Amino acid sequence: MSFRTDRVRLVVLIKKKPSLSKKEFHQHWAKTHGALFSSLEVVKKNILRYEQAHTNETVLSALAQQAVFPVSDWDGMGIFEAESYAKIFEVFQSDEYKKNVIQDEECYLDRDATQMLPLDLLSIIDQ
C-alpha cells in the first residue's frame, strides 16, 4: 500500500443556506463563487485542482427509493488538490481569501454546517 506523496486533497462537504432554493445555491456556487475563488492569486499559486461536485437531485431521489445505503443530505463537495495541506491551508488563512471569499460564502452556504475532510490519496484503479 502506497499513498501518493505528490499531492493531497481536501474535501469540503457543503450545506446550502436554508433560505436559498437548490437552484439558487447551485447557480451562485458554480458561477459567482467559482469565478471569484479561482481568480485569487493565492489560489493560482497553491491549488493544482479545484472542483465542485454538485448533487444530482434526480439520482439522489432514485437512490433514496432503492435504500441500498442511506443517502447524503449534503448539497455538494468542494474538492481542493495541492502538493501539500500546507499549501491548501495557506489559501484559507490568507488575507486575500478572508477579504474576498468569506463574504461571498455567507451569501450561499451554511458555514456552521459545512465540514472539511483531509484525504491522502491511494490509487487502486488509475487509467
N, C-alpha and C. Protein backbone atom coordinates (compact mmCIF):
# COMPACT_ATOMS: atom_id res chain seq x y z
N MET A 1 0.85 -1.18 0.00
CA MET A 1 0.00 0.00 0.00
C MET A 1 0.89 1.23 0.00
N SER A 2 0.61 2.12 -0.95
CA SER A 2 1.45 3.31 -1.08
C SER A 2 0.59 4.54 -1.39
N PHE A 3 0.52 5.45 -0.44
CA PHE A 3 -0.21 6.69 -0.65
C PHE A 3 0.61 7.63 -1.52
N ARG A 4 -0.06 8.42 -2.31
CA ARG A 4 0.63 9.40 -3.15
C ARG A 4 1.33 10.41 -2.25
N THR A 5 2.50 10.83 -2.68
CA THR A 5 3.25 11.83 -1.92
C THR A 5 3.35 13.15 -2.69
N ASP A 6 2.86 13.17 -3.93
CA ASP A 6 2.98 14.37 -4.75
C ASP A 6 1.79 15.31 -4.63
N ARG A 7 0.70 14.83 -4.01
CA ARG A 7 -0.46 15.69 -3.85
C ARG A 7 -1.42 15.13 -2.80
N VAL A 8 -2.26 16.04 -2.30
CA VAL A 8 -3.29 15.71 -1.31
C VAL A 8 -4.58 16.39 -1.75
N ARG A 9 -5.67 15.97 -1.12
CA ARG A 9 -6.96 16.60 -1.38
C ARG A 9 -7.63 16.98 -0.07
N LEU A 10 -8.32 18.07 -0.11
CA LEU A 10 -9.20 18.47 0.98
C LEU A 10 -10.59 18.57 0.39
N VAL A 11 -11.52 17.82 0.97
CA VAL A 11 -12.91 17.86 0.52
C VAL A 11 -13.69 18.68 1.54
N VAL A 12 -14.49 19.59 1.04
CA VAL A 12 -15.37 20.38 1.88
C VAL A 12 -16.80 19.95 1.56
N LEU A 13 -17.46 19.38 2.56
CA LEU A 13 -18.85 18.94 2.41
C LEU A 13 -19.74 20.15 2.63
N ILE A 14 -20.46 20.54 1.59
CA ILE A 14 -21.17 21.81 1.53
C ILE A 14 -22.65 21.67 1.88
N LYS A 15 -23.12 22.58 2.73
CA LYS A 15 -24.55 22.73 3.02
C LYS A 15 -24.96 24.12 2.56
N LYS A 16 -26.03 24.18 1.81
CA LYS A 16 -26.53 25.47 1.34
C LYS A 16 -27.24 26.22 2.47
N LYS A 17 -27.34 27.52 2.32
CA LYS A 17 -28.15 28.30 3.26
C LYS A 17 -29.60 27.86 3.12
N PRO A 18 -30.28 27.64 4.24
CA PRO A 18 -31.67 27.19 4.17
C PRO A 18 -32.59 28.15 3.40
N SER A 19 -32.24 29.42 3.37
CA SER A 19 -33.09 30.41 2.71
C SER A 19 -33.02 30.36 1.18
N LEU A 20 -32.06 29.63 0.64
CA LEU A 20 -31.90 29.56 -0.82
C LEU A 20 -32.55 28.30 -1.38
N SER A 21 -33.06 28.41 -2.59
CA SER A 21 -33.52 27.21 -3.29
C SER A 21 -32.27 26.46 -3.76
N LYS A 22 -32.43 25.21 -4.09
CA LYS A 22 -31.30 24.43 -4.60
C LYS A 22 -30.77 25.05 -5.88
N LYS A 23 -31.66 25.51 -6.73
CA LYS A 23 -31.24 26.14 -7.99
C LYS A 23 -30.41 27.40 -7.72
N GLU A 24 -30.88 28.24 -6.82
CA GLU A 24 -30.14 29.47 -6.49
C GLU A 24 -28.75 29.12 -5.93
N PHE A 25 -28.73 28.13 -5.03
CA PHE A 25 -27.46 27.71 -4.44
C PHE A 25 -26.49 27.24 -5.51
N HIS A 26 -26.92 26.30 -6.35
CA HIS A 26 -26.03 25.72 -7.36
C HIS A 26 -25.55 26.76 -8.36
N GLN A 27 -26.42 27.67 -8.75
CA GLN A 27 -26.01 28.72 -9.69
C GLN A 27 -24.98 29.66 -9.07
N HIS A 28 -25.22 30.08 -7.84
CA HIS A 28 -24.28 31.00 -7.20
C HIS A 28 -22.92 30.33 -6.98
N TRP A 29 -22.96 29.11 -6.45
CA TRP A 29 -21.71 28.41 -6.16
C TRP A 29 -20.91 28.18 -7.44
N ALA A 30 -21.56 27.73 -8.49
CA ALA A 30 -20.86 27.42 -9.74
C ALA A 30 -20.34 28.68 -10.43
N LYS A 31 -21.19 29.67 -10.58
CA LYS A 31 -20.81 30.82 -11.40
C LYS A 31 -20.08 31.90 -10.60
N THR A 32 -20.75 32.45 -9.61
CA THR A 32 -20.17 33.57 -8.86
C THR A 32 -18.97 33.13 -8.02
N HIS A 33 -19.18 32.13 -7.18
CA HIS A 33 -18.12 31.71 -6.27
C HIS A 33 -16.95 31.07 -7.01
N GLY A 34 -17.25 30.23 -7.98
CA GLY A 34 -16.18 29.57 -8.74
C GLY A 34 -15.24 30.57 -9.39
N ALA A 35 -15.82 31.58 -10.02
CA ALA A 35 -15.00 32.62 -10.67
C ALA A 35 -14.21 33.43 -9.66
N LEU A 36 -14.85 33.80 -8.55
CA LEU A 36 -14.17 34.59 -7.52
C LEU A 36 -13.01 33.81 -6.92
N PHE A 37 -13.27 32.58 -6.48
CA PHE A 37 -12.22 31.79 -5.83
C PHE A 37 -11.04 31.56 -6.77
N SER A 38 -11.32 31.18 -8.00
CA SER A 38 -10.24 30.85 -8.92
C SER A 38 -9.45 32.08 -9.38
N SER A 39 -9.97 33.27 -9.15
CA SER A 39 -9.27 34.49 -9.54
C SER A 39 -8.21 34.94 -8.53
N LEU A 40 -8.23 34.38 -7.31
CA LEU A 40 -7.29 34.82 -6.28
C LEU A 40 -5.86 34.39 -6.61
N GLU A 41 -4.91 35.28 -6.38
CA GLU A 41 -3.50 34.97 -6.63
C GLU A 41 -3.01 33.82 -5.75
N VAL A 42 -3.45 33.79 -4.49
CA VAL A 42 -3.02 32.72 -3.58
C VAL A 42 -3.53 31.37 -4.06
N VAL A 43 -4.68 31.34 -4.69
CA VAL A 43 -5.23 30.10 -5.26
C VAL A 43 -4.41 29.69 -6.48
N LYS A 44 -4.14 30.63 -7.36
CA LYS A 44 -3.33 30.33 -8.56
C LYS A 44 -1.96 29.79 -8.18
N LYS A 45 -1.42 30.28 -7.08
CA LYS A 45 -0.09 29.86 -6.63
C LYS A 45 -0.10 28.48 -5.97
N ASN A 46 -1.16 28.13 -5.26
CA ASN A 46 -1.14 26.94 -4.40
C ASN A 46 -2.03 25.77 -4.82
N ILE A 47 -3.08 26.03 -5.53
CA ILE A 47 -4.06 24.97 -5.82
C ILE A 47 -3.81 24.39 -7.21
N LEU A 48 -3.66 23.06 -7.27
CA LEU A 48 -3.47 22.37 -8.55
C LEU A 48 -4.81 22.09 -9.23
N ARG A 49 -5.82 21.79 -8.44
CA ARG A 49 -7.15 21.50 -8.98
C ARG A 49 -8.20 21.92 -7.96
N TYR A 50 -9.24 22.58 -8.47
CA TYR A 50 -10.41 22.91 -7.66
C TYR A 50 -11.60 22.42 -8.44
N GLU A 51 -12.38 21.55 -7.82
CA GLU A 51 -13.58 21.02 -8.45
C GLU A 51 -14.77 21.23 -7.53
N GLN A 52 -15.91 21.39 -8.14
CA GLN A 52 -17.16 21.43 -7.40
C GLN A 52 -17.96 20.20 -7.82
N ALA A 53 -18.45 19.47 -6.85
CA ALA A 53 -19.31 18.32 -7.11
C ALA A 53 -20.70 18.69 -6.62
N HIS A 54 -21.61 18.92 -7.56
CA HIS A 54 -22.98 19.34 -7.25
C HIS A 54 -23.88 18.11 -7.19
N THR A 55 -24.77 18.07 -6.21
CA THR A 55 -25.67 16.93 -6.11
C THR A 55 -26.60 16.87 -7.32
N ASN A 56 -26.91 15.64 -7.72
CA ASN A 56 -27.85 15.38 -8.80
C ASN A 56 -29.15 14.95 -8.13
N GLU A 57 -30.10 15.85 -8.08
CA GLU A 57 -31.34 15.60 -7.33
C GLU A 57 -32.15 14.43 -7.88
N THR A 58 -32.13 14.23 -9.19
CA THR A 58 -32.88 13.13 -9.79
C THR A 58 -32.31 11.79 -9.34
N VAL A 59 -31.00 11.65 -9.40
CA VAL A 59 -30.36 10.40 -8.99
C VAL A 59 -30.47 10.23 -7.47
N LEU A 60 -30.34 11.32 -6.73
CA LEU A 60 -30.47 11.25 -5.28
C LEU A 60 -31.84 10.70 -4.87
N SER A 61 -32.88 11.17 -5.53
CA SER A 61 -34.23 10.68 -5.25
C SER A 61 -34.37 9.20 -5.59
N ALA A 62 -33.81 8.79 -6.71
CA ALA A 62 -33.87 7.37 -7.10
C ALA A 62 -33.11 6.50 -6.11
N LEU A 63 -31.96 6.97 -5.65
CA LEU A 63 -31.18 6.21 -4.67
C LEU A 63 -31.93 6.09 -3.35
N ALA A 64 -32.61 7.13 -2.96
CA ALA A 64 -33.36 7.10 -1.70
C ALA A 64 -34.44 6.02 -1.74
N GLN A 65 -35.03 5.79 -2.90
CA GLN A 65 -36.07 4.78 -3.04
C GLN A 65 -35.50 3.36 -3.07
N GLN A 66 -34.25 3.22 -3.51
CA GLN A 66 -33.64 1.89 -3.57
C GLN A 66 -33.16 1.40 -2.21
N ALA A 67 -32.86 2.32 -1.31
CA ALA A 67 -32.47 2.00 0.07
C ALA A 67 -31.29 1.04 0.18
N VAL A 68 -30.34 1.14 -0.74
CA VAL A 68 -29.12 0.33 -0.64
C VAL A 68 -28.27 0.85 0.52
N PHE A 69 -28.07 2.15 0.55
CA PHE A 69 -27.40 2.86 1.64
C PHE A 69 -28.22 4.12 1.91
N PRO A 70 -28.10 4.68 3.10
CA PRO A 70 -28.75 5.98 3.33
C PRO A 70 -28.15 7.02 2.38
N VAL A 71 -28.97 7.93 1.90
CA VAL A 71 -28.46 8.97 1.00
C VAL A 71 -28.03 10.19 1.81
N SER A 72 -27.06 10.86 1.29
CA SER A 72 -26.48 12.03 1.95
C SER A 72 -27.42 13.23 1.83
N ASP A 73 -27.33 14.12 2.81
CA ASP A 73 -28.10 15.35 2.70
C ASP A 73 -27.19 16.55 2.43
N TRP A 74 -25.94 16.30 2.02
CA TRP A 74 -25.05 17.39 1.61
C TRP A 74 -25.53 17.93 0.28
N ASP A 75 -25.23 19.17 0.01
CA ASP A 75 -25.63 19.80 -1.25
C ASP A 75 -24.52 19.77 -2.28
N GLY A 76 -23.33 19.40 -1.87
CA GLY A 76 -22.21 19.30 -2.79
C GLY A 76 -20.89 19.17 -2.05
N MET A 77 -19.82 19.07 -2.84
CA MET A 77 -18.48 18.99 -2.29
C MET A 77 -17.56 19.93 -3.07
N GLY A 78 -16.76 20.68 -2.34
CA GLY A 78 -15.66 21.41 -2.94
C GLY A 78 -14.42 20.56 -2.77
N ILE A 79 -13.68 20.34 -3.84
CA ILE A 79 -12.51 19.45 -3.80
C ILE A 79 -11.28 20.27 -4.18
N PHE A 80 -10.35 20.35 -3.23
CA PHE A 80 -9.14 21.14 -3.40
C PHE A 80 -7.95 20.19 -3.44
N GLU A 81 -7.16 20.29 -4.49
CA GLU A 81 -6.00 19.43 -4.64
C GLU A 81 -4.75 20.30 -4.72
N ALA A 82 -3.73 19.90 -3.97
CA ALA A 82 -2.48 20.67 -3.93
C ALA A 82 -1.32 19.73 -3.61
N GLU A 83 -0.11 20.27 -3.66
CA GLU A 83 1.08 19.48 -3.35
C GLU A 83 1.16 19.12 -1.87
N SER A 84 0.50 19.90 -1.02
CA SER A 84 0.54 19.65 0.42
C SER A 84 -0.67 20.31 1.09
N TYR A 85 -0.96 19.85 2.30
CA TYR A 85 -2.02 20.51 3.08
C TYR A 85 -1.60 21.93 3.42
N ALA A 86 -0.32 22.15 3.63
CA ALA A 86 0.16 23.50 3.96
C ALA A 86 -0.22 24.49 2.86
N LYS A 87 -0.13 24.07 1.61
CA LYS A 87 -0.49 24.97 0.50
C LYS A 87 -1.99 25.26 0.49
N ILE A 88 -2.80 24.26 0.82
CA ILE A 88 -4.25 24.48 0.90
C ILE A 88 -4.57 25.41 2.06
N PHE A 89 -3.96 25.15 3.22
CA PHE A 89 -4.22 25.98 4.40
C PHE A 89 -3.77 27.42 4.17
N GLU A 90 -2.71 27.60 3.39
CA GLU A 90 -2.24 28.95 3.09
C GLU A 90 -3.34 29.75 2.38
N VAL A 91 -4.10 29.09 1.53
CA VAL A 91 -5.21 29.76 0.85
C VAL A 91 -6.24 30.23 1.86
N PHE A 92 -6.71 29.31 2.72
CA PHE A 92 -7.79 29.63 3.66
C PHE A 92 -7.35 30.62 4.74
N GLN A 93 -6.06 30.69 5.01
CA GLN A 93 -5.56 31.60 6.03
C GLN A 93 -5.13 32.95 5.45
N SER A 94 -5.14 33.08 4.14
CA SER A 94 -4.64 34.30 3.51
C SER A 94 -5.62 35.47 3.71
N ASP A 95 -5.07 36.66 3.75
CA ASP A 95 -5.89 37.87 3.84
C ASP A 95 -6.75 38.00 2.59
N GLU A 96 -6.22 37.59 1.45
CA GLU A 96 -6.95 37.68 0.19
C GLU A 96 -8.24 36.84 0.25
N TYR A 97 -8.14 35.62 0.77
CA TYR A 97 -9.31 34.76 0.93
C TYR A 97 -10.28 35.36 1.94
N LYS A 98 -9.76 35.75 3.09
CA LYS A 98 -10.62 36.29 4.15
C LYS A 98 -11.35 37.55 3.68
N LYS A 99 -10.67 38.39 2.92
CA LYS A 99 -11.25 39.66 2.48
C LYS A 99 -12.28 39.47 1.37
N ASN A 100 -12.03 38.53 0.46
CA ASN A 100 -12.87 38.42 -0.74
C ASN A 100 -13.84 37.25 -0.75
N VAL A 101 -13.44 36.12 -0.20
CA VAL A 101 -14.23 34.91 -0.39
C VAL A 101 -15.21 34.66 0.74
N ILE A 102 -14.82 34.88 1.97
CA ILE A 102 -15.71 34.59 3.10
C ILE A 102 -17.02 35.37 2.97
N GLN A 103 -16.93 36.62 2.56
CA GLN A 103 -18.15 37.43 2.40
C GLN A 103 -19.07 36.80 1.35
N ASP A 104 -18.49 36.28 0.27
CA ASP A 104 -19.31 35.62 -0.75
C ASP A 104 -19.90 34.31 -0.22
N GLU A 105 -19.14 33.55 0.56
CA GLU A 105 -19.65 32.30 1.11
C GLU A 105 -20.87 32.54 2.00
N GLU A 106 -20.87 33.64 2.68
CA GLU A 106 -22.01 33.99 3.55
C GLU A 106 -23.31 34.12 2.74
N CYS A 107 -23.20 34.36 1.44
CA CYS A 107 -24.37 34.52 0.57
C CYS A 107 -25.04 33.21 0.21
N TYR A 108 -24.29 32.11 0.22
CA TYR A 108 -24.88 30.88 -0.33
C TYR A 108 -24.68 29.63 0.53
N LEU A 109 -23.72 29.62 1.46
CA LEU A 109 -23.53 28.37 2.20
C LEU A 109 -23.71 28.55 3.69
N ASP A 110 -24.10 27.47 4.32
CA ASP A 110 -24.27 27.42 5.77
C ASP A 110 -22.91 27.05 6.35
N ARG A 111 -22.14 28.05 6.76
CA ARG A 111 -20.76 27.82 7.22
C ARG A 111 -20.72 26.93 8.47
N ASP A 112 -21.72 27.01 9.33
CA ASP A 112 -21.72 26.20 10.55
C ASP A 112 -21.95 24.72 10.27
N ALA A 113 -22.64 24.40 9.19
CA ALA A 113 -22.95 23.01 8.86
C ALA A 113 -21.95 22.40 7.88
N THR A 114 -21.15 23.23 7.24
CA THR A 114 -20.16 22.77 6.26
C THR A 114 -18.99 22.14 7.00
N GLN A 115 -18.46 21.05 6.45
CA GLN A 115 -17.37 20.31 7.12
C GLN A 115 -16.22 20.04 6.16
N MET A 116 -15.01 19.91 6.72
CA MET A 116 -13.81 19.62 5.93
C MET A 116 -13.33 18.21 6.21
N LEU A 117 -12.77 17.58 5.16
CA LEU A 117 -12.26 16.22 5.26
C LEU A 117 -10.94 16.13 4.51
N PRO A 118 -9.79 16.04 5.22
CA PRO A 118 -8.49 15.92 4.54
C PRO A 118 -8.29 14.48 4.07
N LEU A 119 -7.78 14.32 2.84
CA LEU A 119 -7.66 13.00 2.24
C LEU A 119 -6.27 12.74 1.66
N ASP A 120 -5.64 11.67 2.10
CA ASP A 120 -4.42 11.18 1.47
C ASP A 120 -4.86 10.21 0.38
N LEU A 121 -4.22 10.25 -0.77
CA LEU A 121 -4.69 9.52 -1.94
C LEU A 121 -4.00 8.19 -2.13
N LEU A 122 -4.78 7.17 -2.35
CA LEU A 122 -4.31 5.82 -2.64
C LEU A 122 -5.03 5.36 -3.90
N SER A 123 -4.30 5.29 -5.01
CA SER A 123 -4.92 4.90 -6.28
C SER A 123 -5.03 3.38 -6.35
N ILE A 124 -6.23 2.90 -6.61
CA ILE A 124 -6.49 1.48 -6.77
C ILE A 124 -6.60 1.18 -8.27
N ILE A 125 -7.41 1.96 -8.97
CA ILE A 125 -7.50 1.91 -10.43
C ILE A 125 -7.16 3.29 -10.93
N ASP A 126 -6.25 3.38 -11.86
CA ASP A 126 -5.82 4.67 -12.41
C ASP A 126 -5.57 4.49 -13.90
N GLN A 127 -6.61 4.73 -14.71
CA GLN A 127 -6.50 4.52 -16.15
C GLN A 127 -6.18 5.80 -16.88
